[in-house]
Amino acid sequence: MICREGCGACCIAPSISSPIPGMPFGKPAGQRCVQLSLDNLCALFGLPERPAVCAAFNADPEVCGDSDQDAVRILGWWEQMTA
């Protein structure tokens, strides 16, 4: 699956425990990453400062569903189930 440009669910729904520029302690689930632009694009995409966990995320129908709203819901559910 190709990532839906402008979705941003993976930068909002899950917690990220590794440091992110501007968020040295990571981010809690449900909070927007400070590197997520207003049009839901990663400001660090392709840069070495992008956390490895973010670069390793692969869009997949099982976690991204059929829409941006599905992705937030499914990723949020996975966050709760693995917390």
PDB file of N, CA and C in Angstrom:
ATOM      1  N   MET A   1       0.850  -1.183   0.000  1.00  0.00           N
ATOM      2  CA  MET A   1       0.000   0.000   0.000  1.00  0.00           C
ATOM      3  C   MET A   1       0.889   1.238   0.000  1.00  0.00           C
ATOM      4  N   ILE A   2       0.504   2.226  -0.761  1.00  0.00           N
ATOM      5  CA  ILE A   2       1.199   3.513  -0.765  1.00  0.00           C
ATOM      6  C   ILE A   2       0.523   4.407   0.273  1.00  0.00           C
ATOM      7  N   CYS A   3       1.315   5.069   1.075  1.00  0.00           N
ATOM      8  CA  CYS A   3       0.807   5.973   2.110  1.00  0.00           C
ATOM      9  C   CYS A   3      -0.081   7.040   1.472  1.00  0.00           C
ATOM     10  N   ARG A   4      -1.215   7.336   2.137  1.00  0.00           N
ATOM     11  CA  ARG A   4      -2.095   8.412   1.660  1.00  0.00           C
ATOM     12  C   ARG A   4      -1.491   9.752   2.066  1.00  0.00           C
ATOM     13  N   GLU A   5      -1.017  10.507   1.095  1.00  0.00           N
ATOM     14  CA  GLU A   5      -0.414  11.804   1.389  1.00  0.00           C
ATOM     15  C   GLU A   5      -1.423  12.708   2.086  1.00  0.00           C
ATOM     16  N   GLY A   6      -0.996  13.317   3.191  1.00  0.00           N
ATOM     17  CA  GLY A   6      -1.860  14.209   3.933  1.00  0.00           C
ATOM     18  C   GLY A   6      -2.727  13.521   4.966  1.00  0.00           C
ATOM     19  N   CYS A   7      -2.515  12.228   5.187  1.00  0.00           N
ATOM     20  CA  CYS A   7      -3.288  11.492   6.192  1.00  0.00           C
ATOM     21  C   CYS A   7      -2.842  11.894   7.598  1.00  0.00           C
ATOM     22  N   GLY A   8      -1.585  11.639   7.932  1.00  0.00           N
ATOM     23  CA  GLY A   8      -1.019  12.038   9.212  1.00  0.00           C
ATOM     24  C   GLY A   8      -1.408  11.186  10.403  1.00  0.00           C
ATOM     25  N   ALA A   9      -2.209  10.145  10.212  1.00  0.00           N
ATOM     26  CA  ALA A   9      -2.680   9.326  11.339  1.00  0.00           C
ATOM     27  C   ALA A   9      -1.525   8.723  12.132  1.00  0.00           C
ATOM     28  N   CYS A  10      -0.476   8.290  11.456  1.00  0.00           N
ATOM     29  CA  CYS A  10       0.659   7.675  12.146  1.00  0.00           C
ATOM     30  C   CYS A  10       1.469   8.697  12.938  1.00  0.00           C
ATOM     31  N   CYS A  11       1.206   9.987  12.707  1.00  0.00           N
ATOM     32  CA  CYS A  11       1.874  11.063  13.438  1.00  0.00           C
ATOM     33  C   CYS A  11       0.979  11.643  14.524  1.00  0.00           C
ATOM     34  N   ILE A  12      -0.209  11.069  14.668  1.00  0.00           N
ATOM     35  CA  ILE A  12      -1.165  11.553  15.662  1.00  0.00           C
ATOM     36  C   ILE A  12      -1.562  10.438  16.626  1.00  0.00           C
ATOM     37  N   ALA A  13      -2.081   9.335  16.112  1.00  0.00           N
ATOM     38  CA  ALA A  13      -2.697   8.299  16.949  1.00  0.00           C
ATOM     39  C   ALA A  13      -1.730   7.573  17.895  1.00  0.00           C
ATOM     40  N   PRO A  14      -0.599   7.074  17.419  1.00  0.00           N
ATOM     41  CA  PRO A  14       0.256   6.295  18.330  1.00  0.00           C
ATOM     42  C   PRO A  14       1.169   7.165  19.186  1.00  0.00           C
ATOM     43  N   SER A  15       1.593   6.583  20.295  1.00  0.00           N
ATOM     44  CA  SER A  15       2.647   7.234  21.078  1.00  0.00           C
ATOM     45  C   SER A  15       3.973   6.944  20.389  1.00  0.00           C
ATOM     46  N   ILE A  16       4.924   7.826  20.574  1.00  0.00           N
ATOM     47  CA  ILE A  16       6.280   7.623  20.052  1.00  0.00           C
ATOM     48  C   ILE A  16       7.218   7.860  21.217  1.00  0.00           C
ATOM     49  N   SER A  17       7.955   6.834  21.604  1.00  0.00           N
ATOM     50  CA  SER A  17       8.806   6.933  22.798  1.00  0.00           C
ATOM     51  C   SER A  17      10.192   7.484  22.498  1.00  0.00           C
ATOM     52  N   SER A  18      10.595   7.498  21.242  1.00  0.00           N
ATOM     53  CA  SER A  18      11.917   8.015  20.910  1.00  0.00           C
ATOM     54  C   SER A  18      11.861   9.530  20.751  1.00  0.00           C
ATOM     55  N   PRO A  19      12.993  10.193  20.969  1.00  0.00           N
ATOM     56  CA  PRO A  19      13.034  11.654  20.808  1.00  0.00           C
ATOM     57  C   PRO A  19      12.716  12.076  19.377  1.00  0.00           C
ATOM     58  N   ILE A  20      12.041  13.190  19.272  1.00  0.00           N
ATOM     59  CA  ILE A  20      11.706  13.808  17.992  1.00  0.00           C
ATOM     60  C   ILE A  20      12.187  15.254  18.107  1.00  0.00           C
ATOM     61  N   PRO A  21      12.800  15.824  17.074  1.00  0.00           N
ATOM     62  CA  PRO A  21      13.171  17.233  17.180  1.00  0.00           C
ATOM     63  C   PRO A  21      11.957  18.075  17.601  1.00  0.00           C
ATOM     64  N   GLY A  22      12.120  18.798  18.690  1.00  0.00           N
ATOM     65  CA  GLY A  22      11.028  19.595  19.239  1.00  0.00           C
ATOM     66  C   GLY A  22      10.205  18.857  20.283  1.00  0.00           C
ATOM     67  N   MET A  23      10.406  17.555  20.390  1.00  0.00           N
ATOM     68  CA  MET A  23       9.717  16.712  21.379  1.00  0.00           C
ATOM     69  C   MET A  23      10.752  15.734  21.935  1.00  0.00           C
ATOM     70  N   PRO A  24      11.650  16.196  22.805  1.00  0.00           N
ATOM     71  CA  PRO A  24      12.769  15.366  23.244  1.00  0.00           C
ATOM     72  C   PRO A  24      12.376  14.105  24.004  1.00  0.00           C
ATOM     73  N   PHE A  25      11.148  14.043  24.501  1.00  0.00           N
ATOM     74  CA  PHE A  25      10.699  12.859  25.238  1.00  0.00           C
ATOM     75  C   PHE A  25       9.682  12.059  24.429  1.00  0.00           C
ATOM     76  N   GLY A  26       9.635  12.284  23.140  1.00  0.00           N
ATOM     77  CA  GLY A  26       8.659  11.609  22.294  1.00  0.00           C
ATOM     78  C   GLY A  26       7.311  12.304  22.379  1.00  0.00           C
ATOM     79  N   LYS A  27       6.245  11.571  22.062  1.00  0.00           N
ATOM     80  CA  LYS A  27       4.905  12.165  22.111  1.00  0.00           C
ATOM     81  C   LYS A  27       3.898  11.153  22.616  1.00  0.00           C
ATOM     82  N   PRO A  28       2.899  11.610  23.349  1.00  0.00           N
ATOM     83  CA  PRO A  28       1.852  10.698  23.806  1.00  0.00           C
ATOM     84  C   PRO A  28       0.860  10.382  22.680  1.00  0.00           C
ATOM     85  N   ALA A  29       0.159   9.285  22.841  1.00  0.00           N
ATOM     86  CA  ALA A  29      -0.871   8.896  21.881  1.00  0.00           C
ATOM     87  C   ALA A  29      -1.936   9.975  21.778  1.00  0.00           C
ATOM     88  N   GLY A  30      -2.389  10.207  20.574  1.00  0.00           N
ATOM     89  CA  GLY A  30      -3.457  11.175  20.341  1.00  0.00           C
ATOM     90  C   GLY A  30      -2.998  12.609  20.198  1.00  0.00           C
ATOM     91  N   GLN A  31      -1.739  12.879  20.416  1.00  0.00           N
ATOM     92  CA  GLN A  31      -1.197  14.240  20.272  1.00  0.00           C
ATOM     93  C   GLN A  31      -0.482  14.347  18.926  1.00  0.00           C
ATOM     94  N   ARG A  32      -0.692  15.457  18.234  1.00  0.00           N
ATOM     95  CA  ARG A  32       0.001  15.681  16.964  1.00  0.00           C
ATOM     96  C   ARG A  32       1.495  15.840  17.208  1.00  0.00           C
ATOM     97  N   CYS A  33       2.291  15.257  16.364  1.00  0.00           N
ATOM     98  CA  CYS A  33       3.731  15.483  16.394  1.00  0.00           C
ATOM     99  C   CYS A  33       3.975  16.938  15.984  1.00  0.00           C
ATOM    100  N   VAL A  34       4.918  17.589  16.635  1.00  0.00           N
ATOM    101  CA  VAL A  34       5.216  18.983  16.284  1.00  0.00           C
ATOM    102  C   VAL A  34       5.793  19.103  14.875  1.00  0.00           C
ATOM    103  N   GLN A  35       6.266  18.006  14.324  1.00  0.00           N
ATOM    104  CA  GLN A  35       6.832  18.018  12.974  1.00  0.00           C
ATOM    105  C   GLN A  35       5.782  17.764  11.899  1.00  0.00           C
ATOM    106  N   LEU A  36       4.518  17.590  12.309  1.00  0.00           N
ATOM    107  CA  LEU A  36       3.432  17.379  11.356  1.00  0.00           C
ATOM    108  C   LEU A  36       2.874  18.739  10.941  1.00  0.00           C
ATOM    109  N   SER A  37       2.936  19.029   9.647  1.00  0.00           N
ATOM    110  CA  SER A  37       2.482  20.332   9.151  1.00  0.00           C
ATOM    111  C   SER A  37       0.958  20.431   9.208  1.00  0.00           C
ATOM    112  N   LEU A  38       0.448  21.625   8.968  1.00  0.00           N
ATOM    113  CA  LEU A  38      -1.000  21.829   8.964  1.00  0.00           C
ATOM    114  C   LEU A  38      -1.700  21.024   7.876  1.00  0.00           C
ATOM    115  N   ASP A  39      -0.965  20.686   6.804  1.00  0.00           N
ATOM    116  CA  ASP A  39      -1.552  19.844   5.763  1.00  0.00           C
ATOM    117  C   ASP A  39      -1.184  18.371   5.952  1.00  0.00           C
ATOM    118  N   ASN A  40      -0.816  18.026   7.202  1.00  0.00           N
ATOM    119  CA  ASN A  40      -0.532  16.640   7.613  1.00  0.00           C
ATOM    120  C   ASN A  40       0.606  15.982   6.834  1.00  0.00           C
ATOM    121  N   LEU A  41       1.669  16.721   6.621  1.00  0.00           N
ATOM    122  CA  LEU A  41       2.877  16.184   6.001  1.00  0.00           C
ATOM    123  C   LEU A  41       4.017  16.290   6.992  1.00  0.00           C
ATOM    124  N   CYS A  42       4.915  15.315   6.987  1.00  0.00           N
ATOM    125  CA  CYS A  42       6.045  15.292   7.911  1.00  0.00           C
ATOM    126  C   CYS A  42       7.119  16.278   7.452  1.00  0.00           C
ATOM    127  N   ALA A  43       7.468  17.198   8.348  1.00  0.00           N
ATOM    128  CA  ALA A  43       8.507  18.184   8.034  1.00  0.00           C
ATOM    129  C   ALA A  43       9.895  17.554   8.027  1.00  0.00           C
ATOM    130  N   LEU A  44      10.021  16.348   8.585  1.00  0.00           N
ATOM    131  CA  LEU A  44      11.322  15.670   8.650  1.00  0.00           C
ATOM    132  C   LEU A  44      11.476  14.570   7.609  1.00  0.00           C
ATOM    133  N   PHE A  45      10.460  14.370   6.779  1.00  0.00           N
ATOM    134  CA  PHE A  45      10.500  13.271   5.811  1.00  0.00           C
ATOM    135  C   PHE A  45      11.762  13.360   4.958  1.00  0.00           C
ATOM    136  N   GLY A  46      12.513  12.265   4.910  1.00  0.00           N
ATOM    137  CA  GLY A  46      13.734  12.204   4.117  1.00  0.00           C
ATOM    138  C   GLY A  46      14.957  12.803   4.770  1.00  0.00           C
ATOM    139  N   LEU A  47      14.797  13.368   5.966  1.00  0.00           N
ATOM    140  CA  LEU A  47      15.933  13.980   6.661  1.00  0.00           C
ATOM    141  C   LEU A  47      16.498  13.022   7.706  1.00  0.00           C
ATOM    142  N   PRO A  48      17.800  13.127   8.013  1.00  0.00           N
ATOM    143  CA  PRO A  48      18.399  12.223   9.002  1.00  0.00           C
ATOM    144  C   PRO A  48      17.840  12.423  10.414  1.00  0.00           C
ATOM    145  N   GLU A  49      17.230  13.565  10.689  1.00  0.00           N
ATOM    146  CA  GLU A  49      16.661  13.828  12.021  1.00  0.00           C
ATOM    147  C   GLU A  49      15.354  13.075  12.259  1.00  0.00           C
ATOM    148  N   ARG A  50      14.762  12.538  11.208  1.00  0.00           N
ATOM    149  CA  ARG A  50      13.503  11.796  11.347  1.00  0.00           C
ATOM    150  C   ARG A  50      13.759  10.544  12.174  1.00  0.00           C
ATOM    151  N   PRO A  51      12.970  10.316  13.232  1.00  0.00           N
ATOM    152  CA  PRO A  51      13.179   9.136  14.073  1.00  0.00           C
ATOM    153  C   PRO A  51      13.067   7.835  13.273  1.00  0.00           C
ATOM    154  N   ALA A  52      13.882   6.863  13.650  1.00  0.00           N
ATOM    155  CA  ALA A  52      13.894   5.569  12.953  1.00  0.00           C
ATOM    156  C   ALA A  52      12.524   4.903  12.992  1.00  0.00           C
ATOM    157  N   VAL A  53      11.818   5.034  14.109  1.00  0.00           N
ATOM    158  CA  VAL A  53      10.497   4.407  14.221  1.00  0.00           C
ATOM    159  C   VAL A  53       9.537   4.983  13.187  1.00  0.00           C
ATOM    160  N   CYS A  54       9.654   6.249  12.895  1.00  0.00           N
ATOM    161  CA  CYS A  54       8.798   6.881  11.890  1.00  0.00           C
ATOM    162  C   CYS A  54       9.190   6.414  10.487  1.00  0.00           C
ATOM    163  N   ALA A  55      10.481   6.388  10.212  1.00  0.00           N
ATOM    164  CA  ALA A  55      10.954   5.967   8.898  1.00  0.00           C
ATOM    165  C   ALA A  55      10.620   4.505   8.635  1.00  0.00           C
ATOM    166  N   ALA A  56      10.534   3.686   9.692  1.00  0.00           N
ATOM    167  CA  ALA A  56      10.276   2.256   9.532  1.00  0.00           C
ATOM    168  C   ALA A  56       8.791   1.939   9.348  1.00  0.00           C
ATOM    169  N   PHE A  57       7.901   2.896   9.639  1.00  0.00           N
ATOM    170  CA  PHE A  57       6.471   2.626   9.509  1.00  0.00           C
ATOM    171  C   PHE A  57       6.106   2.421   8.046  1.00  0.00           C
ATOM    172  N   ASN A  58       5.394   1.333   7.774  1.00  0.00           N
ATOM    173  CA  ASN A  58       4.927   1.050   6.420  1.00  0.00           C
ATOM    174  C   ASN A  58       3.409   1.083   6.396  1.00  0.00           C
ATOM    175  N   ALA A  59       2.859   1.857   5.503  1.00  0.00           N
ATOM    176  CA  ALA A  59       1.407   1.892   5.350  1.00  0.00           C
ATOM    177  C   ALA A  59       0.919   0.507   4.949  1.00  0.00           C
ATOM    178  N   ASP A  60      -0.164   0.083   5.569  1.00  0.00           N
ATOM    179  CA  ASP A  60      -0.732  -1.233   5.299  1.00  0.00           C
ATOM    180  C   ASP A  60      -2.237  -1.145   5.525  1.00  0.00           C
ATOM    181  N   PRO A  61      -3.040  -1.777   4.677  1.00  0.00           N
ATOM    182  CA  PRO A  61      -4.483  -1.709   4.865  1.00  0.00           C
ATOM    183  C   PRO A  61      -4.947  -2.158   6.252  1.00  0.00           C
ATOM    184  N   GLU A  62      -4.218  -3.076   6.880  1.00  0.00           N
ATOM    185  CA  GLU A  62      -4.611  -3.552   8.210  1.00  0.00           C
ATOM    186  C   GLU A  62      -4.544  -2.459   9.262  1.00  0.00           C
ATOM    187  N   VAL A  63      -3.630  -1.528   9.127  1.00  0.00           N
ATOM    188  CA  VAL A  63      -3.519  -0.441  10.116  1.00  0.00           C
ATOM    189  C   VAL A  63      -3.993   0.898   9.579  1.00  0.00           C
ATOM    190  N   CYS A  64      -4.093   1.039   8.275  1.00  0.00           N
ATOM    191  CA  CYS A  64      -4.485   2.319   7.687  1.00  0.00           C
ATOM    192  C   CYS A  64      -5.929   2.342   7.199  1.00  0.00           C
ATOM    193  N   GLY A  65      -6.547   1.177   7.069  1.00  0.00           N
ATOM    194  CA  GLY A  65      -7.932   1.128   6.627  1.00  0.00           C
ATOM    195  C   GLY A  65      -8.128   1.732   5.255  1.00  0.00           C
ATOM    196  N   ASP A  66      -9.342   2.235   5.031  1.00  0.00           N
ATOM    197  CA  ASP A  66      -9.701   2.792   3.727  1.00  0.00           C
ATOM    198  C   ASP A  66      -9.721   4.315   3.694  1.00  0.00           C
ATOM    199  N   SER A  67      -9.478   4.947   4.848  1.00  0.00           N
ATOM    200  CA  SER A  67      -9.535   6.411   4.907  1.00  0.00           C
ATOM    201  C   SER A  67      -8.648   6.909   6.040  1.00  0.00           C
ATOM    202  N   ASP A  68      -8.423   8.213   6.060  1.00  0.00           N
ATOM    203  CA  ASP A  68      -7.641   8.825   7.134  1.00  0.00           C
ATOM    204  C   ASP A  68      -8.314   8.579   8.482  1.00  0.00           C
ATOM    205  N   GLN A  69      -9.639   8.660   8.512  1.00  0.00           N
ATOM    206  CA  GLN A  69     -10.388   8.435   9.753  1.00  0.00           C
ATOM    207  C   GLN A  69     -10.240   6.990  10.213  1.00  0.00           C
ATOM    208  N   ASP A  70     -10.277   6.040   9.278  1.00  0.00           N
ATOM    209  CA  ASP A  70     -10.036   4.630   9.622  1.00  0.00           C
ATOM    210  C   ASP A  70      -8.658   4.482  10.254  1.00  0.00           C
ATOM    211  N   ALA A  71      -7.668   5.122   9.661  1.00  0.00           N
ATOM    212  CA  ALA A  71      -6.293   4.995  10.141  1.00  0.00           C
ATOM    213  C   ALA A  71      -6.162   5.501  11.576  1.00  0.00           C
ATOM    214  N   VAL A  72      -6.750   6.644  11.887  1.00  0.00           N
ATOM    215  CA  VAL A  72      -6.693   7.174  13.258  1.00  0.00           C
ATOM    216  C   VAL A  72      -7.374   6.202  14.212  1.00  0.00           C
ATOM    217  N   ARG A  73      -8.531   5.676  13.809  1.00  0.00           N
ATOM    218  CA  ARG A  73      -9.278   4.753  14.665  1.00  0.00           C
ATOM    219  C   ARG A  73      -8.501   3.455  14.889  1.00  0.00           C
ATOM    220  N   ILE A  74      -7.987   2.855  13.821  1.00  0.00           N
ATOM    221  CA  ILE A  74      -7.278   1.576  13.924  1.00  0.00           C
ATOM    222  C   ILE A  74      -5.958   1.743  14.683  1.00  0.00           C
ATOM    223  N   LEU A  75      -5.188   2.753  14.337  1.00  0.00           N
ATOM    224  CA  LEU A  75      -3.918   2.985  15.035  1.00  0.00           C
ATOM    225  C   LEU A  75      -4.159   3.308  16.506  1.00  0.00           C
ATOM    226  N   GLY A  76      -5.226   4.037  16.797  1.00  0.00           N
ATOM    227  CA  GLY A  76      -5.584   4.317  18.189  1.00  0.00           C
ATOM    228  C   GLY A  76      -5.943   3.049  18.939  1.00  0.00           C
ATOM    229  N   TRP A  77      -6.677   2.156  18.262  1.00  0.00           N
ATOM    230  CA  TRP A  77      -7.029   0.866  18.869  1.00  0.00           C
ATOM    231  C   TRP A  77      -5.771   0.054  19.157  1.00  0.00           C
ATOM    232  N   TRP A  78      -4.858  -0.020  18.191  1.00  0.00           N
ATOM    233  CA  TRP A  78      -3.598  -0.753  18.406  1.00  0.00           C
ATOM    234  C   TRP A  78      -2.805  -0.152  19.555  1.00  0.00           C
ATOM    235  N   GLU A  79      -2.812   1.159  19.647  1.00  0.00           N
ATOM    236  CA  GLU A  79      -2.108   1.841  20.755  1.00  0.00           C
ATOM    237  C   GLU A  79      -2.686   1.371  22.086  1.00  0.00           C
ATOM    238  N   GLN A  80      -4.002   1.353  22.203  1.00  0.00           N
ATOM    239  CA  GLN A  80      -4.641   0.923  23.458  1.00  0.00           C
ATOM    240  C   GLN A  80      -4.359  -0.539  23.760  1.00  0.00           C
ATOM    241  N   MET A  81      -4.389  -1.379  22.737  1.00  0.00           N
ATOM    242  CA  MET A  81      -4.195  -2.820  22.945  1.00  0.00           C
ATOM    243  C   MET A  81      -2.748  -3.173  23.323  1.00  0.00           C
ATOM    244  N   THR A  82      -1.812  -2.323  22.950  1.00  0.00           N
ATOM    245  CA  THR A  82      -0.399  -2.613  23.230  1.00  0.00           C
ATOM    246  C   THR A  82       0.182  -1.753  24.344  1.00  0.00           C
ATOM    247  N   ALA A  83      -0.642  -0.913  24.951  1.00  0.00           N
ATOM    248  CA  ALA A  83      -0.156  -0.019  26.008  1.00  0.00           C
ATOM    249  C   ALA A  83       0.236  -0.804  27.257  1.00  0.00           C
TER     250      ALA A  83
END
